[in-house]
């Protein structure tokens, strides 16, 4: 006797897919809409679903921005965090607010990132450039980079700075 035919799994609705994604982590509205496009039919109304989730408080760009800033601030500068938020479709007003908060302690964060990567101040021009490129790739401004690297070049004991 042949085995019974395998049951075809029920297709998940767009709403179920969105809820599954949101149960794992925060998303920006634009990012979630982009992810759902792959599963949408012509009859599906993604903007209405996104608006419903926002009205219920399940989806919030402000909450997403706060979570992203919290997760990235220890490793990256304000420029890099702002760029990532812009790529995810977050509103410019939220980005400006988040960046303003990050810039308050930008020098201290850059110093910590520098200390974790480099144990000593640069002694040659090439080392200085390498350290500057590293900090720049992390999203720190040139003024902050100059401040960190020149200060450490003057006095080779980075522990003295707070």
N, C-alpha and C. Protein backbone atom coordinates (compact mmCIF):
# COMPACT_ATOMS: atom_id res chain seq x y z
N UNK A 1 0.84 -1.17 0.00
CA UNK A 1 0.00 0.00 0.00
C UNK A 1 0.90 1.24 0.00
N UNK A 2 0.69 2.18 -0.92
CA UNK A 2 1.54 3.38 -1.00
C UNK A 2 1.28 4.30 0.19
N UNK A 3 2.34 5.04 0.55
CA UNK A 3 2.15 5.96 1.69
C UNK A 3 1.15 7.06 1.32
N UNK A 4 0.50 7.59 2.31
CA UNK A 4 -0.47 8.66 2.01
C UNK A 4 0.25 9.87 1.44
N UNK A 5 -0.41 10.59 0.57
CA UNK A 5 0.24 11.76 -0.03
C UNK A 5 0.58 12.79 1.06
N UNK A 6 1.74 13.40 0.88
CA UNK A 6 2.16 14.41 1.86
C UNK A 6 1.24 15.61 1.78
N UNK A 7 0.91 16.12 2.94
CA UNK A 7 0.04 17.29 2.97
C UNK A 7 0.82 18.51 2.52
N UNK A 8 0.21 19.28 1.68
CA UNK A 8 0.83 20.52 1.24
C UNK A 8 0.73 21.52 2.39
N UNK A 9 1.88 22.09 2.78
CA UNK A 9 1.80 23.04 3.89
C UNK A 9 0.95 24.25 3.52
N UNK A 10 0.21 24.73 4.50
CA UNK A 10 -0.62 25.90 4.26
C UNK A 10 0.29 27.12 4.06
N UNK A 11 -0.07 27.91 3.10
CA UNK A 11 0.69 29.12 2.84
C UNK A 11 0.46 30.10 3.98
N UNK A 12 1.53 30.70 4.43
CA UNK A 12 1.42 31.70 5.48
C UNK A 12 0.91 33.00 4.87
N UNK A 13 0.08 33.66 5.62
CA UNK A 13 -0.39 34.96 5.15
C UNK A 13 0.72 35.99 5.32
N UNK A 14 0.57 37.08 4.65
CA UNK A 14 1.54 38.16 4.74
C UNK A 14 1.62 38.67 6.18
N UNK A 15 0.47 38.73 6.83
CA UNK A 15 0.40 39.19 8.21
C UNK A 15 1.19 38.25 9.13
N UNK A 16 1.05 36.94 8.92
CA UNK A 16 1.79 35.98 9.73
C UNK A 16 3.29 36.12 9.51
N UNK A 17 3.70 36.29 8.27
CA UNK A 17 5.13 36.47 7.97
C UNK A 17 5.68 37.72 8.66
N UNK A 18 4.92 38.79 8.61
CA UNK A 18 5.35 40.04 9.24
C UNK A 18 5.46 39.86 10.75
N UNK A 19 4.50 39.21 11.35
CA UNK A 19 4.54 38.98 12.80
C UNK A 19 5.70 38.09 13.19
N UNK A 20 5.99 37.08 12.39
CA UNK A 20 7.14 36.21 12.68
C UNK A 20 8.44 37.01 12.66
N UNK A 21 8.59 37.86 11.67
CA UNK A 21 9.80 38.68 11.59
C UNK A 21 9.90 39.62 12.78
N UNK A 22 8.80 40.28 13.12
CA UNK A 22 8.81 41.23 14.23
C UNK A 22 9.00 40.55 15.58
N UNK A 23 8.67 39.28 15.67
CA UNK A 23 8.86 38.58 16.94
C UNK A 23 10.34 38.29 17.20
N UNK A 24 11.15 38.35 16.15
CA UNK A 24 12.58 38.05 16.30
C UNK A 24 13.42 39.29 16.55
N UNK A 25 13.07 40.42 15.94
CA UNK A 25 13.81 41.67 16.14
C UNK A 25 12.98 42.83 15.63
N UNK A 26 13.45 44.04 15.94
CA UNK A 26 12.80 45.26 15.46
C UNK A 26 13.14 45.48 13.98
N UNK A 27 12.21 46.05 13.26
CA UNK A 27 12.41 46.44 11.87
C UNK A 27 11.91 47.86 11.68
N UNK A 28 12.49 48.56 10.73
CA UNK A 28 11.90 49.85 10.34
C UNK A 28 10.74 49.52 9.41
N UNK A 29 9.83 50.46 9.25
CA UNK A 29 8.66 50.22 8.40
C UNK A 29 9.08 49.93 6.95
N UNK A 30 10.03 50.70 6.45
CA UNK A 30 10.49 50.51 5.07
C UNK A 30 11.18 49.16 4.90
N UNK A 31 11.96 48.76 5.89
CA UNK A 31 12.68 47.49 5.81
C UNK A 31 11.70 46.31 5.82
N UNK A 32 10.69 46.37 6.70
CA UNK A 32 9.71 45.29 6.76
C UNK A 32 8.90 45.23 5.47
N UNK A 33 8.52 46.36 4.94
CA UNK A 33 7.77 46.38 3.68
C UNK A 33 8.59 45.75 2.55
N UNK A 34 9.87 46.06 2.52
CA UNK A 34 10.76 45.47 1.50
C UNK A 34 10.84 43.96 1.64
N UNK A 35 10.95 43.48 2.87
CA UNK A 35 11.04 42.04 3.11
C UNK A 35 9.75 41.33 2.71
N UNK A 36 8.61 41.99 2.91
CA UNK A 36 7.32 41.36 2.61
C UNK A 36 6.99 41.35 1.12
N UNK A 37 7.62 42.22 0.35
CA UNK A 37 7.33 42.28 -1.09
C UNK A 37 7.55 40.95 -1.79
N UNK A 38 8.50 40.17 -1.32
CA UNK A 38 8.80 38.88 -1.97
C UNK A 38 7.64 37.89 -1.83
N UNK A 39 6.80 38.09 -0.83
CA UNK A 39 5.71 37.15 -0.58
C UNK A 39 4.34 37.72 -0.95
N UNK A 40 4.29 38.93 -1.42
CA UNK A 40 3.02 39.61 -1.66
C UNK A 40 2.40 39.22 -3.01
N UNK A 41 1.09 39.13 -3.02
CA UNK A 41 0.32 38.96 -4.25
C UNK A 41 -0.20 40.33 -4.67
N UNK A 42 -0.87 40.36 -5.80
CA UNK A 42 -1.45 41.62 -6.25
C UNK A 42 -2.52 42.11 -5.28
N UNK A 43 -3.21 41.19 -4.63
CA UNK A 43 -4.30 41.55 -3.73
C UNK A 43 -3.80 42.07 -2.39
N UNK A 44 -2.55 41.79 -2.04
CA UNK A 44 -2.01 42.20 -0.75
C UNK A 44 -1.72 43.69 -0.73
N UNK A 45 -2.06 44.32 0.38
CA UNK A 45 -1.83 45.74 0.54
C UNK A 45 -0.80 45.94 1.66
N UNK A 46 0.47 45.96 1.28
CA UNK A 46 1.55 46.08 2.26
C UNK A 46 1.48 47.40 3.03
N UNK A 47 1.26 48.54 2.37
CA UNK A 47 1.18 49.79 3.14
C UNK A 47 0.08 49.78 4.21
N UNK A 48 -1.05 49.15 3.90
CA UNK A 48 -2.13 49.07 4.89
C UNK A 48 -1.72 48.18 6.06
N UNK A 49 -1.04 47.09 5.78
CA UNK A 49 -0.56 46.20 6.84
C UNK A 49 0.46 46.92 7.72
N UNK A 50 1.39 47.65 7.11
CA UNK A 50 2.39 48.40 7.86
C UNK A 50 1.70 49.46 8.73
N UNK A 51 0.73 50.17 8.16
CA UNK A 51 0.00 51.20 8.92
C UNK A 51 -0.75 50.58 10.10
N UNK A 52 -1.34 49.41 9.90
CA UNK A 52 -2.04 48.72 10.98
C UNK A 52 -1.08 48.34 12.10
N UNK A 53 0.08 47.81 11.74
CA UNK A 53 1.08 47.42 12.74
C UNK A 53 1.59 48.65 13.50
N UNK A 54 1.76 49.76 12.80
CA UNK A 54 2.20 50.98 13.46
C UNK A 54 1.13 51.50 14.41
N UNK A 55 -0.12 51.43 14.00
CA UNK A 55 -1.23 51.90 14.85
C UNK A 55 -1.34 51.05 16.11
N UNK A 56 -1.06 49.78 15.99
CA UNK A 56 -1.13 48.88 17.15
C UNK A 56 0.12 48.98 18.03
N UNK A 57 1.16 49.64 17.55
CA UNK A 57 2.39 49.78 18.32
C UNK A 57 3.34 48.60 18.16
N UNK A 58 3.10 47.76 17.18
CA UNK A 58 3.95 46.60 16.95
C UNK A 58 5.18 46.97 16.11
N UNK A 59 5.08 48.06 15.39
CA UNK A 59 6.14 48.50 14.49
C UNK A 59 6.36 49.98 14.74
N UNK A 60 7.60 50.33 15.05
CA UNK A 60 7.91 51.73 15.36
C UNK A 60 9.31 52.06 14.86
N UNK A 61 9.38 53.08 14.01
CA UNK A 61 10.68 53.52 13.53
C UNK A 61 11.50 54.13 14.66
N UNK A 62 10.84 54.79 15.60
CA UNK A 62 11.55 55.38 16.74
C UNK A 62 12.17 54.29 17.61
N UNK A 63 11.42 53.23 17.86
CA UNK A 63 11.95 52.11 18.65
C UNK A 63 13.08 51.41 17.90
N UNK A 64 12.92 51.25 16.59
CA UNK A 64 13.97 50.64 15.78
C UNK A 64 15.24 51.48 15.83
N UNK A 65 15.09 52.80 15.70
CA UNK A 65 16.24 53.70 15.75
C UNK A 65 16.95 53.60 17.09
N UNK A 66 16.18 53.60 18.16
CA UNK A 66 16.75 53.50 19.50
C UNK A 66 17.52 52.19 19.66
N UNK A 67 16.95 51.10 19.19
CA UNK A 67 17.61 49.79 19.30
C UNK A 67 18.87 49.76 18.46
N UNK A 68 18.82 50.30 17.26
CA UNK A 68 19.98 50.29 16.36
C UNK A 68 21.12 51.13 16.95
N UNK A 69 20.79 52.30 17.48
CA UNK A 69 21.80 53.16 18.08
C UNK A 69 22.43 52.47 19.28
N UNK A 70 21.61 51.87 20.11
CA UNK A 70 22.13 51.18 21.29
C UNK A 70 23.08 50.04 20.90
N UNK A 71 22.73 49.31 19.87
CA UNK A 71 23.55 48.17 19.44
C UNK A 71 24.84 48.61 18.75
N UNK A 72 24.83 49.73 18.06
CA UNK A 72 25.98 50.13 17.25
C UNK A 72 26.91 51.14 17.91
N UNK A 73 26.46 51.83 18.94
CA UNK A 73 27.23 52.95 19.46
C UNK A 73 28.59 52.57 20.05
N UNK A 74 28.75 51.36 20.53
CA UNK A 74 30.03 50.97 21.12
C UNK A 74 31.11 50.74 20.06
N UNK A 75 30.72 50.47 18.83
CA UNK A 75 31.70 50.14 17.79
C UNK A 75 31.82 51.18 16.69
N UNK A 76 30.78 52.00 16.51
CA UNK A 76 30.74 52.86 15.33
C UNK A 76 30.48 54.31 15.69
N UNK A 77 30.91 55.20 14.79
CA UNK A 77 30.68 56.62 14.95
C UNK A 77 29.31 57.02 14.47
N UNK A 78 28.97 58.27 14.72
CA UNK A 78 27.65 58.79 14.39
C UNK A 78 27.38 58.74 12.89
N UNK A 79 28.38 59.00 12.07
CA UNK A 79 28.19 59.00 10.61
C UNK A 79 27.81 57.61 10.10
N UNK A 80 28.45 56.59 10.62
CA UNK A 80 28.15 55.23 10.17
C UNK A 80 26.76 54.80 10.63
N UNK A 81 26.41 55.12 11.87
CA UNK A 81 25.08 54.77 12.39
C UNK A 81 24.00 55.50 11.58
N UNK A 82 24.23 56.78 11.30
CA UNK A 82 23.26 57.55 10.52
C UNK A 82 23.10 56.96 9.12
N UNK A 83 24.20 56.55 8.51
CA UNK A 83 24.13 55.95 7.18
C UNK A 83 23.34 54.64 7.20
N UNK A 84 23.57 53.81 8.20
CA UNK A 84 22.82 52.55 8.30
C UNK A 84 21.33 52.81 8.49
N UNK A 85 21.00 53.78 9.30
CA UNK A 85 19.58 54.11 9.51
C UNK A 85 18.95 54.64 8.23
N UNK A 86 19.70 55.46 7.50
CA UNK A 86 19.20 56.00 6.23
C UNK A 86 18.95 54.86 5.24
N UNK A 87 19.85 53.87 5.21
CA UNK A 87 19.68 52.73 4.31
C UNK A 87 18.44 51.92 4.64
N UNK A 88 18.05 51.92 5.90
CA UNK A 88 16.87 51.15 6.34
C UNK A 88 15.58 51.93 6.21
N UNK A 89 15.66 53.17 5.69
CA UNK A 89 14.46 53.94 5.42
C UNK A 89 13.90 54.70 6.61
N UNK A 90 14.73 54.98 7.59
CA UNK A 90 14.28 55.73 8.77
C UNK A 90 14.19 57.21 8.41
N UNK A 91 13.20 57.89 8.98
CA UNK A 91 12.96 59.30 8.73
C UNK A 91 14.15 60.15 9.16
N UNK A 92 14.43 61.20 8.39
CA UNK A 92 15.58 62.07 8.66
C UNK A 92 15.51 62.74 10.03
N UNK A 93 14.32 63.06 10.50
CA UNK A 93 14.18 63.69 11.82
C UNK A 93 14.63 62.75 12.93
N UNK A 94 14.27 61.47 12.82
CA UNK A 94 14.70 60.48 13.81
C UNK A 94 16.21 60.28 13.74
N UNK A 95 16.76 60.28 12.55
CA UNK A 95 18.20 60.12 12.38
C UNK A 95 18.94 61.30 13.00
N UNK A 96 18.45 62.51 12.76
CA UNK A 96 19.10 63.71 13.31
C UNK A 96 19.09 63.68 14.84
N UNK A 97 17.98 63.25 15.41
CA UNK A 97 17.88 63.15 16.87
C UNK A 97 18.86 62.11 17.41
N UNK A 98 18.94 60.97 16.75
CA UNK A 98 19.85 59.91 17.20
C UNK A 98 21.30 60.33 17.07
N UNK A 99 21.65 60.98 15.98
CA UNK A 99 23.02 61.42 15.74
C UNK A 99 23.42 62.49 16.76
N UNK A 100 22.50 63.38 17.10
CA UNK A 100 22.79 64.41 18.09
C UNK A 100 23.17 63.77 19.43
N UNK A 101 22.46 62.72 19.79
CA UNK A 101 22.79 62.02 21.03
C UNK A 101 24.13 61.32 20.96
N UNK A 102 24.46 60.78 19.81
CA UNK A 102 25.75 60.09 19.65
C UNK A 102 26.93 61.04 19.65
N UNK A 103 26.74 62.23 19.10
CA UNK A 103 27.86 63.16 18.97
C UNK A 103 28.30 63.74 20.31
N UNK A 104 27.46 63.62 21.33
CA UNK A 104 27.82 64.15 22.65
C UNK A 104 29.06 63.46 23.21
N UNK A 105 29.19 62.17 22.97
CA UNK A 105 30.33 61.43 23.52
C UNK A 105 31.14 60.73 22.42
N UNK A 106 31.20 61.36 21.27
CA UNK A 106 31.89 60.79 20.11
C UNK A 106 33.39 60.58 20.37
N UNK A 107 34.03 61.52 21.01
CA UNK A 107 35.47 61.41 21.26
C UNK A 107 35.76 60.24 22.19
N UNK A 108 34.99 60.10 23.24
CA UNK A 108 35.20 59.01 24.20
C UNK A 108 34.98 57.65 23.53
N UNK A 109 33.95 57.56 22.69
CA UNK A 109 33.69 56.29 22.01
C UNK A 109 34.78 55.98 21.00
N UNK A 110 35.25 56.99 20.28
CA UNK A 110 36.34 56.79 19.32
C UNK A 110 37.61 56.35 20.04
N UNK A 111 37.87 56.94 21.19
CA UNK A 111 39.06 56.57 21.97
C UNK A 111 38.98 55.09 22.38
N UNK A 112 37.82 54.64 22.80
CA UNK A 112 37.65 53.24 23.21
C UNK A 112 37.82 52.29 22.02
N UNK A 113 37.26 52.65 20.88
CA UNK A 113 37.41 51.83 19.68
C UNK A 113 38.88 51.77 19.29
N UNK A 114 39.57 52.92 19.36
CA UNK A 114 40.99 52.97 19.03
C UNK A 114 41.79 52.11 19.99
N UNK A 115 41.51 52.19 21.29
CA UNK A 115 42.25 51.42 22.30
C UNK A 115 42.09 49.91 22.10
N UNK A 116 40.91 49.49 21.71
CA UNK A 116 40.68 48.05 21.52
C UNK A 116 41.49 47.51 20.34
N UNK A 117 41.66 48.34 19.32
CA UNK A 117 42.35 47.90 18.11
C UNK A 117 43.86 48.13 18.17
N UNK A 118 44.25 49.28 18.66
CA UNK A 118 45.66 49.66 18.67
C UNK A 118 46.11 49.90 20.11
N UNK A 119 47.16 49.27 20.49
CA UNK A 119 47.64 49.38 21.87
C UNK A 119 48.55 50.58 22.07
N UNK A 120 49.17 51.09 21.00
CA UNK A 120 50.11 52.19 21.12
C UNK A 120 49.86 53.23 20.05
N UNK A 121 50.31 54.43 20.32
CA UNK A 121 50.17 55.53 19.36
C UNK A 121 51.04 55.26 18.14
N UNK A 122 50.64 55.82 17.03
CA UNK A 122 51.40 55.66 15.78
C UNK A 122 52.73 56.37 15.89
N UNK A 123 53.77 55.71 15.41
CA UNK A 123 55.10 56.31 15.43
C UNK A 123 55.55 56.77 14.04
N UNK A 124 54.91 56.24 13.02
CA UNK A 124 55.26 56.64 11.65
C UNK A 124 54.01 57.19 10.97
N UNK A 125 54.26 57.86 9.87
CA UNK A 125 53.15 58.42 9.09
C UNK A 125 52.23 57.30 8.57
N UNK A 126 52.82 56.17 8.18
CA UNK A 126 52.03 55.05 7.67
C UNK A 126 51.12 54.46 8.75
N UNK A 127 51.65 54.33 9.95
CA UNK A 127 50.83 53.82 11.06
C UNK A 127 49.70 54.79 11.38
N UNK A 128 50.01 56.09 11.37
CA UNK A 128 49.01 57.10 11.64
C UNK A 128 47.89 57.00 10.61
N UNK A 129 48.26 56.85 9.35
CA UNK A 129 47.27 56.74 8.27
C UNK A 129 46.44 55.48 8.42
N UNK A 130 47.07 54.39 8.80
CA UNK A 130 46.35 53.13 9.01
C UNK A 130 45.33 53.28 10.13
N UNK A 131 45.73 53.89 11.23
CA UNK A 131 44.82 54.07 12.35
C UNK A 131 43.69 55.04 11.98
N UNK A 132 44.03 56.07 11.22
CA UNK A 132 43.01 57.02 10.78
C UNK A 132 42.00 56.36 9.85
N UNK A 133 42.47 55.54 8.92
CA UNK A 133 41.56 54.84 8.01
C UNK A 133 40.64 53.90 8.78
N UNK A 134 41.19 53.24 9.79
CA UNK A 134 40.37 52.34 10.61
C UNK A 134 39.24 53.12 11.29
N UNK A 135 39.59 54.22 11.94
CA UNK A 135 38.56 55.01 12.63
C UNK A 135 37.57 55.62 11.65
N UNK A 136 38.05 56.01 10.47
CA UNK A 136 37.16 56.56 9.46
C UNK A 136 36.18 55.49 8.97
N UNK A 137 36.66 54.26 8.81
CA UNK A 137 35.76 53.19 8.36
C UNK A 137 34.71 52.87 9.40
N UNK A 138 34.98 53.21 10.64
CA UNK A 138 34.01 53.02 11.72
C UNK A 138 33.02 54.17 11.84
N UNK A 139 33.19 55.20 11.01
CA UNK A 139 32.21 56.28 10.97
C UNK A 139 32.50 57.47 11.85
N UNK A 140 33.75 57.64 12.25
CA UNK A 140 34.11 58.81 13.05
C UNK A 140 34.57 59.93 12.13
N UNK A 141 34.31 61.16 12.52
CA UNK A 141 34.66 62.32 11.70
C UNK A 141 36.17 62.56 11.74
N UNK A 142 36.66 63.31 10.76
CA UNK A 142 38.09 63.58 10.69
C UNK A 142 38.56 64.40 11.89
N UNK A 143 37.72 65.31 12.37
CA UNK A 143 38.11 66.11 13.54
C UNK A 143 38.31 65.23 14.75
N UNK A 144 37.44 64.26 14.96
CA UNK A 144 37.56 63.34 16.08
C UNK A 144 38.80 62.47 15.90
N UNK A 145 39.02 61.99 14.70
CA UNK A 145 40.19 61.15 14.41
C UNK A 145 41.48 61.92 14.70
N UNK A 146 41.56 63.15 14.20
CA UNK A 146 42.74 63.97 14.45
C UNK A 146 42.95 64.18 15.95
N UNK A 147 41.87 64.45 16.65
CA UNK A 147 41.96 64.67 18.10
C UNK A 147 42.53 63.43 18.80
N UNK A 148 42.01 62.27 18.47
CA UNK A 148 42.44 61.03 19.12
C UNK A 148 43.89 60.72 18.76
N UNK A 149 44.21 60.69 17.49
CA UNK A 149 45.55 60.27 17.06
C UNK A 149 46.64 61.28 17.41
N UNK A 150 46.36 62.55 17.28
CA UNK A 150 47.37 63.56 17.61
C UNK A 150 47.60 63.63 19.11
N UNK A 151 46.57 63.45 19.86
CA UNK A 151 46.72 63.49 21.32
C UNK A 151 47.55 62.31 21.80
N UNK A 152 47.33 61.16 21.19
CA UNK A 152 48.11 59.97 21.58
C UNK A 152 49.54 60.05 21.04
N UNK A 153 49.73 60.76 19.96
CA UNK A 153 51.08 60.90 19.42
C UNK A 153 51.93 61.81 20.32
N UNK A 154 51.28 62.82 20.94
CA UNK A 154 52.00 63.72 21.82
C UNK A 154 52.46 63.02 23.08
N UNK A 155 51.61 62.17 23.60
CA UNK A 155 51.94 61.45 24.83
C UNK A 155 51.55 60.00 24.62
N UNK A 156 52.49 59.12 24.61
CA UNK A 156 52.26 57.73 24.24
C UNK A 156 51.56 56.92 25.33
N UNK A 157 50.97 57.55 26.31
CA UNK A 157 50.29 56.79 27.36
C UNK A 157 48.79 57.05 27.30
N UNK A 158 48.05 56.26 26.52
CA UNK A 158 46.63 56.51 26.33
C UNK A 158 45.80 56.37 27.61
N UNK A 159 46.33 55.76 28.65
CA UNK A 159 45.57 55.59 29.88
C UNK A 159 45.36 56.91 30.60
N UNK A 160 46.18 57.93 30.27
CA UNK A 160 46.06 59.21 30.94
C UNK A 160 44.84 59.99 30.52
N UNK A 161 44.17 59.62 29.44
CA UNK A 161 43.04 60.39 28.92
C UNK A 161 41.74 59.78 29.37
N UNK A 162 40.84 60.64 29.73
CA UNK A 162 39.51 60.14 30.11
C UNK A 162 38.45 60.90 29.41
